[in-house]
C-alpha atoms as a PDB file:
ATOM      1  CA  MET A   1    -116.153 143.302  14.947  1.00  0.00           C
ATOM      2  CA  LYS A   2    -112.837 144.401  17.147  1.00  0.00           C
ATOM      3  CA  LEU A   3    -110.291 142.685  19.330  1.00  0.00           C
ATOM      4  CA  ALA A   4    -109.447 144.474  21.822  1.00  0.00           C
ATOM      5  CA  PHE A   5    -106.437 144.355  23.704  1.00  0.00           C
ATOM      6  CA  GLY A   6    -104.512 144.800  26.923  1.00  0.00           C
ATOM      7  CA  THR A   7    -100.445 146.631  26.846  1.00  0.00           C
ATOM      8  CA  PRO A   8     -98.595 146.781  30.305  1.00  0.00           C
ATOM      9  CA  LYS A   9     -98.779 150.621  32.078  1.00  0.00           C
ATOM     10  CA  GLY A  10     -94.981 150.471  33.868  1.00  0.00           C
ATOM     11  CA  SER A  11     -92.106 148.558  33.346  1.00  0.00           C
ATOM     12  CA  LEU A  12     -92.936 146.194  30.611  1.00  0.00           C
ATOM     13  CA  GLU A  13     -94.919 149.342  28.928  1.00  0.00           C
ATOM     14  CA  GLU A  14     -91.489 151.284  26.792  1.00  0.00           C
ATOM     15  CA  LYS A  15     -90.219 147.136  25.693  1.00  0.00           C
ATOM     16  CA  THR A  16     -93.753 146.561  24.192  1.00  0.00           C
ATOM     17  CA  MET A  17     -94.653 149.828  21.864  1.00  0.00           C
ATOM     18  CA  ASP A  18     -91.862 149.105  20.529  1.00  0.00           C
ATOM     19  CA  LEU A  19     -91.895 146.246  19.151  1.00  0.00           C
ATOM     20  CA  PHE A  20     -95.548 147.239  18.508  1.00  0.00           C
ATOM     21  CA  LYS A  21     -93.369 149.948  16.150  1.00  0.00           C
ATOM     22  CA  LYS A  22     -91.094 147.161  14.673  1.00  0.00           C
ATOM     23  CA  ALA A  23     -94.283 145.001  14.248  1.00  0.00           C
ATOM     24  CA  GLY A  24     -95.410 147.499  11.429  1.00  0.00           C
ATOM     25  CA  PHE A  25     -98.923 148.889  14.056  1.00  0.00           C
ATOM     26  CA  GLU A  26     -98.225 152.984  14.654  1.00  0.00           C
ATOM     27  CA  ILE A  27     -99.698 153.881  18.059  1.00  0.00           C
ATOM     28  CA  ALA A  28    -100.069 157.316  19.850  1.00  0.00           C
ATOM     29  CA  ILE A  29    -101.052 156.882  23.718  1.00  0.00           C
ATOM     30  CA  ASN A  30    -102.633 160.896  24.088  1.00  0.00           C
ATOM     31  CA  GLY A  31    -101.153 162.278  27.274  1.00  0.00           C
ATOM     32  CA  ARG A  32    -102.453 160.225  30.350  1.00  0.00           C
ATOM     33  CA  SER A  33    -105.266 158.722  28.156  1.00  0.00           C
ATOM     34  CA  TYR A  34    -104.691 154.310  28.720  1.00  0.00           C
ATOM     35  CA  PHE A  35    -106.962 154.196  25.181  1.00  0.00           C
ATOM     36  CA  PRO A  36    -103.990 155.192  23.150  1.00  0.00           C
ATOM     37  CA  SER A  37    -104.414 155.217  19.260  1.00  0.00           C
ATOM     38  CA  ILE A  38    -102.909 151.949  16.840  1.00  0.00           C
ATOM     39  CA  ASP A  39    -103.971 152.012  12.855  1.00  0.00           C
ATOM     40  CA  ASP A  40    -105.715 149.259  12.640  1.00  0.00           C
ATOM     41  CA  PRO A  41    -108.943 149.746  12.611  1.00  0.00           C
ATOM     42  CA  GLY A  42    -109.588 145.811  14.152  1.00  0.00           C
ATOM     43  CA  ILE A  43    -108.036 146.396  17.664  1.00  0.00           C
ATOM     44  CA  GLU A  44    -108.262 148.510  19.924  1.00  0.00           C
ATOM     45  CA  LEU A  45    -105.812 148.962  22.562  1.00  0.00           C
ATOM     46  CA  MET A  46    -106.360 149.794  26.237  1.00  0.00           C
ATOM     47  CA  MET A  47    -103.072 150.198  28.928  1.00  0.00           C
ATOM     48  CA  ALA A  48    -103.329 148.335  32.195  1.00  0.00           C
ATOM     49  CA  ARG A  49    -101.155 147.532  34.488  1.00  0.00           C
ATOM     50  CA  ALA A  50     -99.511 144.366  34.826  1.00  0.00           C
ATOM     51  CA  GLN A  51    -100.403 142.869  37.720  1.00  0.00           C
ATOM     52  CA  GLU A  52    -104.686 143.533  36.550  1.00  0.00           C
ATOM     53  CA  MET A  53    -103.855 142.260  33.215  1.00  0.00           C
ATOM     54  CA  PRO A  54    -105.154 138.459  33.760  1.00  0.00           C
ATOM     55  CA  ARG A  55    -108.347 139.345  35.795  1.00  0.00           C
ATOM     56  CA  PHE A  56    -109.621 141.812  33.696  1.00  0.00           C
ATOM     57  CA  ILE A  57    -109.212 139.305  30.626  1.00  0.00           C
ATOM     58  CA  GLU A  58    -109.931 136.450  33.025  1.00  0.00           C
ATOM     59  CA  ASP A  59    -113.364 139.396  32.885  1.00  0.00           C
ATOM     60  CA  GLY A  60    -114.200 139.820  29.546  1.00  0.00           C
ATOM     61  CA  VAL A  61    -112.891 143.053  29.648  1.00  0.00           C
ATOM     62  CA  ILE A  62    -109.850 143.036  27.750  1.00  0.00           C
ATOM     63  CA  ASP A  63    -109.775 140.085  25.085  1.00  0.00           C
ATOM     64  CA  ALA A  64    -106.220 139.069  25.283  1.00  0.00           C
ATOM     65  CA  GLY A  65    -103.060 141.196  26.139  1.00  0.00           C
ATOM     66  CA  ILE A  66    -100.089 141.196  27.473  1.00  0.00           C
ATOM     67  CA  THR A  67     -98.768 140.496  30.798  1.00  0.00           C
ATOM     68  CA  GLY A  68     -96.414 138.281  33.058  1.00  0.00           C
ATOM     69  CA  ARG A  69     -96.681 134.912  34.073  1.00  0.00           C
ATOM     70  CA  ASP A  70     -95.851 135.687  37.823  1.00  0.00           C
ATOM     71  CA  TRP A  71     -99.197 137.605  38.014  1.00  0.00           C
ATOM     72  CA  CYS A  72    -101.479 135.348  36.412  1.00  0.00           C
ATOM     73  CA  ILE A  73    -100.079 132.701  38.512  1.00  0.00           C
ATOM     74  CA  GLU A  74    -100.688 135.521  41.485  1.00  0.00           C
ATOM     75  CA  THR A  75    -104.473 136.089  41.050  1.00  0.00           C
ATOM     76  CA  LYS A  76    -105.075 132.433  39.550  1.00  0.00           C
ATOM     77  CA  ALA A  77    -107.015 133.278  37.186  1.00  0.00           C
ATOM     78  CA  GLU A  78    -108.667 131.520  34.509  1.00  0.00           C
ATOM     79  CA  VAL A  79    -106.815 132.927  31.182  1.00  0.00           C
ATOM     80  CA  LYS A  80    -105.595 130.778  27.733  1.00  0.00           C
ATOM     81  CA  GLU A  81    -101.961 131.290  27.364  1.00  0.00           C
ATOM     82  CA  VAL A  82    -101.550 131.798  23.365  1.00  0.00           C
ATOM     83  CA  ALA A  83     -97.151 131.941  23.715  1.00  0.00           C
ATOM     84  CA  GLU A  84     -94.237 132.983  26.178  1.00  0.00           C
ATOM     85  CA  LEU A  85     -92.343 136.360  24.560  1.00  0.00           C
ATOM     86  CA  GLN A  86     -88.985 135.826  25.672  1.00  0.00           C
ATOM     87  CA  TYR A  87     -88.433 139.772  26.489  1.00  0.00           C
ATOM     88  CA  SER A  88     -88.496 142.032  30.357  1.00  0.00           C
ATOM     89  CA  LYS A  89     -88.001 145.550  30.819  1.00  0.00           C
ATOM     90  CA  ARG A  90     -84.195 145.850  30.046  1.00  0.00           C
ATOM     91  CA  THR A  91     -83.279 141.853  29.017  1.00  0.00           C
ATOM     92  CA  ASN A  92     -84.553 138.918  26.827  1.00  0.00           C
ATOM     93  CA  ARG A  93     -84.526 137.054  29.354  1.00  0.00           C
ATOM     94  CA  LYS A  94     -87.166 135.569  32.211  1.00  0.00           C
ATOM     95  CA  VAL A  95     -87.573 137.632  35.567  1.00  0.00           C
ATOM     96  CA  ARG A  96     -86.527 135.574  38.505  1.00  0.00           C
ATOM     97  CA  TRP A  97     -88.612 136.125  42.315  1.00  0.00           C
ATOM     98  CA  VAL A  98     -85.974 135.494  44.391  1.00  0.00           C
ATOM     99  CA  LEU A  99     -86.290 135.764  48.854  1.00  0.00           C
ATOM    100  CA  ALA A 100     -83.453 138.676  49.773  1.00  0.00           C
ATOM    101  CA  VAL A 101     -82.762 139.560  53.106  1.00  0.00           C
ATOM    102  CA  ASN A 102     -80.446 141.284  54.107  1.00  0.00           C
ATOM    103  CA  ARG A 103     -76.177 140.404  53.379  1.00  0.00           C
ATOM    104  CA  ASP A 104     -75.424 140.638  57.377  1.00  0.00           C
ATOM    105  CA  SER A 105     -78.777 139.319  58.634  1.00  0.00           C
ATOM    106  CA  LYS A 106     -78.719 135.591  60.593  1.00  0.00           C
ATOM    107  CA  ILE A 107     -81.348 134.371  58.255  1.00  0.00           C
ATOM    108  CA  ASN A 108     -79.759 132.130  55.494  1.00  0.00           C
ATOM    109  CA  SER A 109     -83.277 129.986  55.262  1.00  0.00           C
ATOM    110  CA  VAL A 110     -87.541 130.586  54.056  1.00  0.00           C
ATOM    111  CA  LYS A 111     -87.091 127.942  57.965  1.00  0.00           C
ATOM    112  CA  ASP A 112     -85.634 131.421  59.351  1.00  0.00           C
ATOM    113  CA  LEU A 113     -88.445 133.495  58.921  1.00  0.00           C
ATOM    114  CA  GLU A 114     -90.769 131.543  61.523  1.00  0.00           C
ATOM    115  CA  GLY A 115     -92.803 134.673  62.534  1.00  0.00           C
ATOM    116  CA  LYS A 116     -90.469 136.932  61.112  1.00  0.00           C
ATOM    117  CA  ARG A 117     -92.485 140.149  58.591  1.00  0.00           C
ATOM    118  CA  ILE A 118     -91.935 139.462  54.820  1.00  0.00           C
ATOM    119  CA  ALA A 119     -93.014 142.715  52.010  1.00  0.00           C
ATOM    120  CA  THR A 120     -93.305 142.141  48.532  1.00  0.00           C
ATOM    121  CA  GLU A 121     -96.317 142.761  46.424  1.00  0.00           C
ATOM    122  CA  LEU A 122     -96.647 138.949  45.559  1.00  0.00           C
ATOM    123  CA  VAL A 123     -98.089 137.901  48.578  1.00  0.00           C
ATOM    124  CA  GLY A 124    -100.452 135.383  46.851  1.00  0.00           C
ATOM    125  CA  VAL A 125     -97.218 133.259  45.754  1.00  0.00           C
ATOM    126  CA  THR A 126     -95.257 134.684  49.075  1.00  0.00           C
ATOM    127  CA  GLU A 127     -97.599 132.955  51.813  1.00  0.00           C
ATOM    128  CA  ARG A 128     -98.299 129.882  49.236  1.00  0.00           C
ATOM    129  CA  TYR A 129     -94.629 129.268  49.463  1.00  0.00           C
ATOM    130  CA  LEU A 130     -94.351 129.980  53.226  1.00  0.00           C
ATOM    131  CA  LYS A 131     -97.098 127.468  54.153  1.00  0.00           C
ATOM    132  CA  LYS A 132     -95.613 125.047  51.599  1.00  0.00           C
ATOM    133  CA  ASN A 133     -92.509 124.870  54.136  1.00  0.00           C
ATOM    134  CA  ARG A 134     -94.636 124.796  57.547  1.00  0.00           C
ATOM    135  CA  VAL A 135     -93.614 128.834  58.709  1.00  0.00           C
ATOM    136  CA  ASN A 136     -95.169 131.243  59.812  1.00  0.00           C
ATOM    137  CA  ALA A 137     -94.844 135.096  59.000  1.00  0.00           C
ATOM    138  CA  GLU A 138     -96.536 137.936  58.098  1.00  0.00           C
ATOM    139  CA  VAL A 139     -96.835 138.979  54.366  1.00  0.00           C
ATOM    140  CA  GLU A 140     -97.625 142.834  53.728  1.00  0.00           C
ATOM    141  CA  PHE A 141     -98.207 143.885  50.198  1.00  0.00           C
ATOM    142  CA  SER A 142     -95.709 146.984  49.392  1.00  0.00           C
ATOM    143  CA  TRP A 143     -96.742 149.812  47.015  1.00  0.00           C
ATOM    144  CA  GLY A 144     -92.648 150.139  45.509  1.00  0.00           C
ATOM    145  CA  ALA A 145     -88.974 151.021  46.664  1.00  0.00           C
ATOM    146  CA  THR A 146     -89.279 146.839  48.209  1.00  0.00           C
ATOM    147  CA  GLU A 147     -85.402 146.552  48.324  1.00  0.00           C
ATOM    148  CA  THR A 148     -84.744 149.503  50.656  1.00  0.00           C
ATOM    149  CA  LYS A 149     -86.550 147.991  53.635  1.00  0.00           C
ATOM    150  CA  CYS A 150     -85.031 145.126  53.813  1.00  0.00           C
ATOM    151  CA  PRO A 151     -83.784 145.259  57.256  1.00  0.00           C
ATOM    152  CA  LYS A 152     -85.085 147.966  58.840  1.00  0.00           C
ATOM    153  CA  LEU A 153     -88.631 147.913  58.483  1.00  0.00           C
ATOM    154  CA  VAL A 154     -89.388 144.253  57.750  1.00  0.00           C
ATOM    155  CA  ASP A 155     -87.115 141.692  57.946  1.00  0.00           C
ATOM    156  CA  ALA A 156     -86.765 139.939  54.698  1.00  0.00           C
ATOM    157  CA  ILE A 157     -88.375 141.001  51.036  1.00  0.00           C
ATOM    158  CA  VAL A 158     -89.643 138.340  48.264  1.00  0.00           C
ATOM    159  CA  GLU A 159     -88.459 140.927  45.119  1.00  0.00           C
ATOM    160  CA  LEU A 160     -88.378 140.643  40.686  1.00  0.00           C
ATOM    161  CA  THR A 161     -84.942 141.281  39.795  1.00  0.00           C
ATOM    162  CA  GLU A 162     -83.291 140.155  36.468  1.00  0.00           C
ATOM    163  CA  THR A 163     -79.922 141.091  37.194  1.00  0.00           C
ATOM    164  CA  GLY A 164     -79.932 141.174  40.970  1.00  0.00           C
ATOM    165  CA  SER A 165     -77.905 144.711  40.109  1.00  0.00           C
ATOM    166  CA  SER A 166     -80.685 146.265  42.854  1.00  0.00           C
ATOM    167  CA  LEU A 167     -80.785 144.031  45.064  1.00  0.00           C
ATOM    168  CA  ARG A 168     -76.807 144.023  45.862  1.00  0.00           C
ATOM    169  CA  ALA A 169     -77.154 147.892  45.673  1.00  0.00           C
ATOM    170  CA  ASN A 170     -79.139 148.542  48.561  1.00  0.00           C
ATOM    171  CA  ASN A 171     -76.434 145.313  50.167  1.00  0.00           C
ATOM    172  CA  LEU A 172     -79.437 142.004  50.208  1.00  0.00           C
ATOM    173  CA  LYS A 173     -78.410 138.319  49.220  1.00  0.00           C
ATOM    174  CA  ILE A 174     -80.884 136.025  47.891  1.00  0.00           C
ATOM    175  CA  ILE A 175     -81.272 132.944  50.216  1.00  0.00           C
ATOM    176  CA  ASP A 176     -84.038 130.929  47.675  1.00  0.00           C
ATOM    177  CA  GLU A 177     -85.904 131.578  44.646  1.00  0.00           C
ATOM    178  CA  LEU A 178     -89.665 131.456  44.894  1.00  0.00           C
ATOM    179  CA  LEU A 179     -90.352 131.699  40.925  1.00  0.00           C
ATOM    180  CA  GLU A 180     -89.598 131.558  37.446  1.00  0.00           C
ATOM    181  CA  SER A 181     -91.986 134.163  34.839  1.00  0.00           C
ATOM    182  CA  VAL A 182     -91.375 135.673  31.737  1.00  0.00           C
ATOM    183  CA  THR A 183     -93.701 137.410  29.708  1.00  0.00           C
ATOM    184  CA  VAL A 184     -96.448 136.518  28.057  1.00  0.00           C
ATOM    185  CA  LEU A 185     -99.706 137.452  25.874  1.00  0.00           C
ATOM    186  CA  ILE A 186    -102.826 135.824  27.408  1.00  0.00           C
ATOM    187  CA  ALA A 187    -106.592 135.461  26.058  1.00  0.00           C
ATOM    188  CA  ASN A 188    -109.685 135.649  27.205  1.00  0.00           C
ATOM    189  CA  LYS A 189    -110.773 131.744  26.960  1.00  0.00           C
ATOM    190  CA  GLU A 190    -113.958 132.461  25.178  1.00  0.00           C
ATOM    191  CA  ALA A 191    -112.751 134.735  23.105  1.00  0.00           C
ATOM    192  CA  TRP A 192    -109.776 132.394  21.956  1.00  0.00           C
ATOM    193  CA  LYS A 193    -113.512 130.193  21.360  1.00  0.00           C
ATOM    194  CA  ASN A 194    -114.406 133.207  18.630  1.00  0.00           C
ATOM    195  CA  LYS A 195    -112.360 132.492  14.909  1.00  0.00           C
ATOM    196  CA  TRP A 196    -112.196 135.779  14.278  1.00  0.00           C
ATOM    197  CA  LYS A 197    -110.349 137.036  17.007  1.00  0.00           C
ATOM    198  CA  ARG A 198    -108.273 134.088  17.351  1.00  0.00           C
ATOM    199  CA  GLU A 199    -106.865 134.559  14.147  1.00  0.00           C
ATOM    200  CA  LYS A 200    -106.378 138.469  14.723  1.00  0.00           C
ATOM    201  CA  ILE A 201    -104.603 137.566  18.425  1.00  0.00           C
ATOM    202  CA  SER A 202    -102.358 135.018  16.510  1.00  0.00           C
ATOM    203  CA  ARG A 203    -101.214 137.204  14.270  1.00  0.00           C
ATOM    204  CA  ILE A 204    -100.401 139.942  16.189  1.00  0.00           C
ATOM    205  CA  ASN A 205     -98.288 136.804  17.980  1.00  0.00           C
ATOM    206  CA  ASP A 206     -96.447 135.499  14.678  1.00  0.00           C
ATOM    207  CA  LEU A 207     -95.232 139.407  14.048  1.00  0.00           C
ATOM    208  CA  LEU A 208     -94.305 139.560  17.700  1.00  0.00           C
ATOM    209  CA  GLN A 209     -91.982 136.859  18.052  1.00  0.00           C
ATOM    210  CA  GLY A 210     -90.839 137.851  14.469  1.00  0.00           C
ATOM    211  CA  VAL A 211     -89.759 141.377  15.798  1.00  0.00           C
ATOM    212  CA  LEU A 212     -88.184 139.824  18.872  1.00  0.00           C
ATOM    213  CA  LEU A 213     -86.775 136.602  16.671  1.00  0.00           C
ATOM    214  CA  ALA A 214     -85.013 139.264  15.155  1.00  0.00           C
ATOM    215  CA  GLU A 215     -83.488 141.296  17.872  1.00  0.00           C
ATOM    216  CA  GLN A 216     -81.319 138.029  18.173  1.00  0.00           C
ATOM    217  CA  LYS A 217     -80.449 138.179  14.741  1.00  0.00           C
ATOM    218  CA  VAL A 218     -78.271 139.324  12.249  1.00  0.00           C
ATOM    219  CA  LEU A 219     -77.802 138.307   7.937  1.00  0.00           C
ATOM    220  CA  LEU A 220     -74.690 137.672   6.428  1.00  0.00           C
ATOM    221  CA  GLU A 221     -74.703 137.738   2.857  1.00  0.00           C
ATOM    222  CA  ILE A 222     -72.013 135.872   1.645  1.00  0.00           C
ATOM    223  CA  ASN A 223     -68.934 134.649  -1.935  1.00  0.00           C
ATOM    224  CA  VAL A 224     -67.429 131.301  -1.633  1.00  0.00           C
ATOM    225  CA  PRO A 225     -65.552 130.000  -4.847  1.00  0.00           C
ATOM    226  CA  LYS A 226     -66.983 127.185  -5.916  1.00  0.00           C
ATOM    227  CA  GLU A 227     -63.562 125.160  -5.428  1.00  0.00           C
ATOM    228  CA  ASN A 228     -64.587 126.275  -1.437  1.00  0.00           C
ATOM    229  CA  PHE A 229     -68.151 125.857  -1.307  1.00  0.00           C
ATOM    230  CA  GLU A 230     -68.728 122.369   0.302  1.00  0.00           C
ATOM    231  CA  ALA A 231     -65.885 122.994   2.859  1.00  0.00           C
ATOM    232  CA  LEU A 232     -68.094 126.692   3.863  1.00  0.00           C
ATOM    233  CA  VAL A 233     -71.383 124.481   3.875  1.00  0.00           C
ATOM    234  CA  LYS A 234     -69.706 122.843   6.521  1.00  0.00           C
ATOM    235  CA  VAL A 235     -69.261 125.375   8.573  1.00  0.00           C
ATOM    236  CA  LEU A 236     -71.871 127.053   7.980  1.00  0.00           C
ATOM    237  CA  PRO A 237     -75.216 128.337  10.574  1.00  0.00           C
ATOM    238  CA  CYS A 238     -78.344 128.960   9.695  1.00  0.00           C
ATOM    239  CA  MET A 239     -82.016 129.011  11.538  1.00  0.00           C
ATOM    240  CA  LYS A 240     -83.383 126.204   8.501  1.00  0.00           C
ATOM    241  CA  SER A 241     -82.122 126.021   5.115  1.00  0.00           C
ATOM    242  CA  PRO A 242     -79.277 128.859   4.017  1.00  0.00           C
ATOM    243  CA  THR A 243     -80.340 130.766   0.420  1.00  0.00           C
ATOM    244  CA  ILE A 244     -78.112 129.526  -1.767  1.00  0.00           C
ATOM    245  CA  SER A 245     -77.148 131.454  -5.775  1.00  0.00           C
ATOM    246  CA  GLU A 246     -74.767 131.089  -8.600  1.00  0.00           C
ATOM    247  CA  LEU A 247     -73.145 134.227  -9.375  1.00  0.00           C
ATOM    248  CA  TYR A 248     -72.632 135.234 -12.699  1.00  0.00           C
ATOM    249  CA  LYS A 249     -71.312 133.738 -14.648  1.00  0.00           C
ATOM    250  CA  GLY A 250     -70.562 130.986 -12.726  1.00  0.00           C
ATOM    251  CA  GLY A 251     -67.590 132.190 -10.570  1.00  0.00           C
ATOM    252  CA  GLY A 252     -68.806 130.465  -7.093  1.00  0.00           C
ATOM    253  CA  TYR A 253     -71.830 130.959  -4.948  1.00  0.00           C
ATOM    254  CA  ALA A 254     -74.274 133.631  -2.965  1.00  0.00           C
ATOM    255  CA  ILE A 255     -75.325 132.851   0.352  1.00  0.00           C
ATOM    256  CA  LYS A 256     -77.687 134.308   2.435  1.00  0.00           C
ATOM    257  CA  VAL A 257     -77.935 133.166   5.977  1.00  0.00           C
ATOM    258  CA  ALA A 258     -80.062 134.119   9.278  1.00  0.00           C
ATOM    259  CA  VAL A 259     -77.308 133.789  12.341  1.00  0.00           C
ATOM    260  CA  ASP A 260     -77.279 134.764  16.377  1.00  0.00           C
ATOM    261  CA  LYS A 261     -76.251 137.944  16.604  1.00  0.00           C
ATOM    262  CA  LYS A 262     -74.440 137.130  19.683  1.00  0.00           C
ATOM    263  CA  GLU A 263     -72.463 134.526  17.656  1.00  0.00           C
ATOM    264  CA  VAL A 264     -71.720 136.488  14.748  1.00  0.00           C
ATOM    265  CA  ARG A 265     -67.575 137.884  15.411  1.00  0.00           C
ATOM    266  CA  GLU A 266     -66.318 133.615  15.825  1.00  0.00           C
ATOM    267  CA  ILE A 267     -68.359 133.181  12.702  1.00  0.00           C
ATOM    268  CA  ILE A 268     -67.708 135.528  10.196  1.00  0.00           C
ATOM    269  CA  GLY A 269     -64.045 134.532  11.198  1.00  0.00           C
ATOM    270  CA  ARG A 270     -64.892 130.729  11.004  1.00  0.00           C
ATOM    271  CA  LEU A 271     -66.459 131.509   7.068  1.00  0.00           C
ATOM    272  CA  LYS A 272     -63.290 133.526   5.845  1.00  0.00           C
ATOM    273  CA  LYS A 273     -61.291 130.916   7.225  1.00  0.00           C
ATOM    274  CA  ALA A 274     -63.539 128.559   4.980  1.00  0.00           C
ATOM    275  CA  GLY A 275     -63.316 130.486   2.115  1.00  0.00           C
ATOM    276  CA  ALA A 276     -65.939 133.344   2.163  1.00  0.00           C
ATOM    277  CA  GLU A 277     -65.233 136.048   0.032  1.00  0.00           C
ATOM    278  CA  SER A 278     -67.492 139.810   0.142  1.00  0.00           C
ATOM    279  CA  ILE A 279     -69.500 139.265   3.886  1.00  0.00           C
ATOM    280  CA  LEU A 280     -72.173 141.333   4.497  1.00  0.00           C
ATOM    281  CA  GLU A 281     -73.728 141.850   7.421  1.00  0.00           C
ATOM    282  CA  TYR A 282     -77.826 143.356   7.788  1.00  0.00           C
ATOM    283  CA  SER A 283     -79.949 144.057   9.973  1.00  0.00           C
ATOM    284  CA  LEU A 284     -82.778 141.822  10.534  1.00  0.00           C
ATOM    285  CA  GLN A 285     -86.554 143.577  11.135  1.00  0.00           C
ATOM    286  CA  LYS A 286     -88.549 140.331  11.304  1.00  0.00           C
ATOM    287  CA  ALA A 287     -88.104 137.117  11.342  1.00  0.00           C
ATOM    288  CA  ILE A 288     -91.343 135.036  10.362  1.00  0.00           C
ATOM    289  CA  VAL A 289     -90.069 131.395  10.950  1.00  0.00           C
END
């Protein structure tokens, strides 16, 4: 038995392949082939656009795969959402679909779009958004470079943004947010009922989640004299419980703890003040909790 697993082609492709590599899989993409090889005989990889992935999985062409929650909502695909995977093209945070217009435009709200033209890849969601707000406007599918079409070709756009930098570079302003999205692991409902496939999907998820968590953490190894131990434990952050062992000849304790990468500069200062000695910092490959 094999699990047909879909990986996204396009903006999420590079990050996804990197995650699989860090998770311990060896993947080779052969030229323009949409069927990469993988060193797991139980997995058959297929690449597809994130926009198409939910439909392929709903129809059972692919058992499980990675896409954006936005495309599940757009296509209304009936699939099982297994887990969120907190990563996007550039960052590890959620992305937004926003309504944007030229900075000099007199359009300041969705109500001002009556009779106007909007370009977007997310046509279905945009049409439902307009209907909810009782606005009649023309929505046309954009084949790319959507930011450049406003205001000469269209009056407004609905576009995906992570940081907003591309919108600012094209002199656009955000006037509303339609949808917040995140990368998700989804599965065909029948495949999910299959015990072997469900366990295989779950193991892949555990490994990918472990890599994503490890990217946010570092491991600190600390020595502390016995007289400073209680004071240090009070300021010691950890994922669950720190690993503590007694040093040779009872001279104190050695402590290992995983901490947030963004906070490590401040944490080291607090640990040093509390009496920590010989502080070492290590990168993590995976963190399974």
